C-alpha atoms as a PDB file:
ATOM      1  CA  MET A   1       0.000   0.000   0.000  1.00  0.00           C
ATOM      2  CA  ILE A   2       1.337   3.436  -0.970  1.00  0.00           C
ATOM      3  CA  ASP A   3       0.984   6.289   1.501  1.00  0.00           C
ATOM      4  CA  ASN A   4       0.046   9.440  -0.459  1.00  0.00           C
ATOM      5  CA  LYS A   5       0.327  11.794   2.526  1.00  0.00           C
ATOM      6  CA  LEU A   6       2.883  14.567   2.454  1.00  0.00           C
ATOM      7  CA  SER A   7       4.815  15.179   5.609  1.00  0.00           C
ATOM      8  CA  ARG A   8       5.026  18.712   6.927  1.00  0.00           C
ATOM      9  CA  ARG A   9       8.726  18.799   6.058  1.00  0.00           C
ATOM     10  CA  ALA A  10       8.092  17.679   2.460  1.00  0.00           C
ATOM     11  CA  LEU A  11       5.340  20.276   2.104  1.00  0.00           C
ATOM     12  CA  LEU A  12       7.637  23.063   3.363  1.00  0.00           C
ATOM     13  CA  ILE A  13      10.407  21.963   1.021  1.00  0.00           C
ATOM     14  CA  ARG A  14       8.000  22.037  -1.951  1.00  0.00           C
ATOM     15  CA  ALA A  15       6.723  25.452  -0.844  1.00  0.00           C
ATOM     16  CA  VAL A  16      10.284  26.801  -1.095  1.00  0.00           C
ATOM     17  CA  GLN A  17      11.289  24.932  -4.249  1.00  0.00           C
ATOM     18  CA  LEU A  18       8.402  26.005  -6.473  1.00  0.00           C
ATOM     19  CA  PRO A  19       8.862  29.798  -6.134  1.00  0.00           C
ATOM     20  CA  ALA A  20      12.634  29.381  -6.440  1.00  0.00           C
ATOM     21  CA  MET A  21      12.212  27.399  -9.659  1.00  0.00           C
ATOM     22  CA  GLY A  22       9.797  30.015 -11.000  1.00  0.00           C
ATOM     23  CA  ALA A  23      12.216  32.825 -10.206  1.00  0.00           C
ATOM     24  CA  THR A  24      15.047  30.918 -11.877  1.00  0.00           C
ATOM     25  CA  LEU A  25      12.996  30.386 -15.038  1.00  0.00           C
ATOM     26  CA  MET A  26      12.025  34.068 -15.128  1.00  0.00           C
ATOM     27  CA  ALA A  27      15.664  35.101 -14.760  1.00  0.00           C
ATOM     28  CA  ILE A  28      16.739  32.764 -17.554  1.00  0.00           C
ATOM     29  CA  ASN A  29      13.982  34.137 -19.801  1.00  0.00           C
ATOM     30  CA  ALA A  30      14.886  37.747 -19.002  1.00  0.00           C
ATOM     31  CA  PHE A  31      18.570  37.082 -19.693  1.00  0.00           C
ATOM     32  CA  GLY A  32      17.688  35.482 -23.020  1.00  0.00           C
ATOM     33  CA  GLU A  33      15.683  38.549 -24.065  1.00  0.00           C
ATOM     34  CA  LYS A  34      18.444  40.919 -23.012  1.00  0.00           C
ATOM     35  CA  ALA A  35      21.091  38.930 -24.830  1.00  0.00           C
ATOM     36  CA  ASP A  36      19.103  38.927 -28.076  1.00  0.00           C
ATOM     37  CA  LEU A  37      19.769  42.577 -28.903  1.00  0.00           C
ATOM     38  CA  LEU A  38      23.065  44.139 -27.858  1.00  0.00           C
ATOM     39  CA  CYS A  39      23.337  47.511 -29.553  1.00  0.00           C
ATOM     40  CA  ALA A  40      25.933  49.246 -27.400  1.00  0.00           C
ATOM     41  CA  ASP A  41      28.593  46.547 -27.604  1.00  0.00           C
ATOM     42  CA  PRO A  42      31.447  47.620 -25.286  1.00  0.00           C
ATOM     43  CA  ASP A  43      33.954  45.805 -27.514  1.00  0.00           C
ATOM     44  CA  VAL A  44      33.035  48.028 -30.466  1.00  0.00           C
ATOM     45  CA  LEU A  45      32.504  51.432 -28.818  1.00  0.00           C
ATOM     46  CA  SER A  46      35.407  53.735 -27.988  1.00  0.00           C
ATOM     47  CA  GLU A  47      36.319  54.526 -24.387  1.00  0.00           C
ATOM     48  CA  SER A  48      34.894  58.056 -24.744  1.00  0.00           C
ATOM     49  CA  GLU A  49      31.596  56.665 -26.083  1.00  0.00           C
ATOM     50  CA  MET A  50      31.429  54.220 -23.182  1.00  0.00           C
ATOM     51  CA  GLY A  51      32.272  57.023 -20.729  1.00  0.00           C
ATOM     52  CA  LEU A  52      29.407  59.130 -22.066  1.00  0.00           C
ATOM     53  CA  ARG A  53      27.026  56.201 -21.716  1.00  0.00           C
ATOM     54  CA  ARG A  54      28.204  55.548 -18.164  1.00  0.00           C
ATOM     55  CA  SER A  55      27.813  59.210 -17.223  1.00  0.00           C
ATOM     56  CA  LEU A  56      24.220  59.190 -18.529  1.00  0.00           C
ATOM     57  CA  GLY A  57      23.437  55.857 -16.876  1.00  0.00           C
ATOM     58  CA  TYR A  58      22.605  54.080 -20.138  1.00  0.00           C
ATOM     59  CA  LEU A  59      20.981  50.643 -19.784  1.00  0.00           C
ATOM     60  CA  GLU A  60      20.504  48.241 -22.704  1.00  0.00           C
ATOM     61  CA  VAL A  61      17.220  47.195 -21.085  1.00  0.00           C
ATOM     62  CA  SER A  62      15.152  49.905 -19.406  1.00  0.00           C
ATOM     63  CA  ASP A  63      14.216  49.486 -15.771  1.00  0.00           C
ATOM     64  CA  ASP A  64      10.921  51.265 -16.565  1.00  0.00           C
ATOM     65  CA  PRO A  65       8.864  49.753 -19.419  1.00  0.00           C
ATOM     66  CA  ASP A  66       7.100  53.093 -19.981  1.00  0.00           C
ATOM     67  CA  LYS A  67      10.397  54.928 -20.531  1.00  0.00           C
ATOM     68  CA  THR A  68      12.413  53.290 -23.278  1.00  0.00           C
ATOM     69  CA  CYS A  69      14.652  54.713 -25.978  1.00  0.00           C
ATOM     70  CA  SER A  70      12.063  53.926 -28.642  1.00  0.00           C
ATOM     71  CA  VAL A  71       9.711  56.547 -27.167  1.00  0.00           C
ATOM     72  CA  CYS A  72      12.389  59.122 -26.316  1.00  0.00           C
ATOM     73  CA  ALA A  73      12.700  62.464 -28.096  1.00  0.00           C
ATOM     74  CA  PHE A  74      16.400  61.816 -28.808  1.00  0.00           C
ATOM     75  CA  PHE A  75      15.867  58.402 -30.435  1.00  0.00           C
ATOM     76  CA  ARG A  76      15.980  57.804 -34.196  1.00  0.00           C
ATOM     77  CA  PRO A  77      14.994  54.441 -35.658  1.00  0.00           C
ATOM     78  CA  GLY A  78      18.011  52.653 -36.990  1.00  0.00           C
ATOM     79  CA  SER A  79      19.124  49.812 -39.125  1.00  0.00           C
ATOM     80  CA  GLU A  80      17.845  46.339 -39.943  1.00  0.00           C
ATOM     81  CA  ASP A  81      19.503  44.879 -36.841  1.00  0.00           C
ATOM     82  CA  GLY A  82      16.833  46.556 -34.691  1.00  0.00           C
ATOM     83  CA  CYS A  83      19.155  49.077 -33.056  1.00  0.00           C
ATOM     84  CA  GLY A  84      18.340  52.761 -33.134  1.00  0.00           C
ATOM     85  CA  ARG A  85      20.485  55.886 -32.900  1.00  0.00           C
ATOM     86  CA  CYS A  86      20.610  58.453 -30.100  1.00  0.00           C
ATOM     87  CA  GLN A  87      21.359  62.123 -30.594  1.00  0.00           C
ATOM     88  CA  LEU A  88      22.873  62.320 -27.087  1.00  0.00           C
ATOM     89  CA  PHE A  89      25.383  59.633 -27.985  1.00  0.00           C
ATOM     90  CA  GLN A  90      26.470  61.462 -31.165  1.00  0.00           C
ATOM     91  CA  GLY A  91      24.264  59.194 -33.236  1.00  0.00           C
ATOM     92  CA  GLY A  92      25.660  56.076 -31.607  1.00  0.00           C
ATOM     93  CA  PRO A  93      23.698  52.833 -31.443  1.00  0.00           C
ATOM     94  CA  VAL A  94      21.121  52.266 -28.712  1.00  0.00           C
ATOM     95  CA  SER A  95      18.634  49.540 -27.987  1.00  0.00           C
ATOM     96  CA  PRO A  96      14.999  50.568 -28.577  1.00  0.00           C
ATOM     97  CA  GLY A  97      14.284  48.929 -25.209  1.00  0.00           C
ATOM     98  CA  GLY A  98      17.111  50.782 -23.458  1.00  0.00           C
ATOM     99  CA  ARG A  99      17.094  53.935 -21.398  1.00  0.00           C
ATOM    100  CA  CYS A 100      19.376  56.597 -19.931  1.00  0.00           C
ATOM    101  CA  ALA A 101      19.075  59.292 -17.274  1.00  0.00           C
ATOM    102  CA  SER A 102      18.366  61.964 -19.918  1.00  0.00           C
ATOM    103  CA  TRP A 103      15.293  60.196 -21.284  1.00  0.00           C
ATOM    104  CA  SER A 104      12.826  62.762 -22.604  1.00  0.00           C
ATOM    105  CA  GLU A 105       9.216  62.184 -23.572  1.00  0.00           C
ATOM    106  CA  ILE A 106       8.308  62.961 -27.159  1.00  0.00           C
ATOM    107  CA  SER A 107       6.164  66.073 -27.146  1.00  0.00           C
END
């Protein structure tokens, strides 16, 4: 005869494992999306271009979904690779889903 009861310990372990697994899957998914489009490749940009991006707090993936480069006044749609251009970065490449501290709403 098989006992189908869960012990309290087993239940607590499952209660911790399930959210942890969910968080891990979400992190893997988010990393995959971020890795898909890398517009401001540090290996390609000059040190001065990288310094400007650092000083303006540029992020390849915006921390606010309502404020992304694609809806910024300084953004210009770019090439076939999906990257755009930013006037603040002297026309340098930016991710449409990125953001910097000088983000400005299109008026």
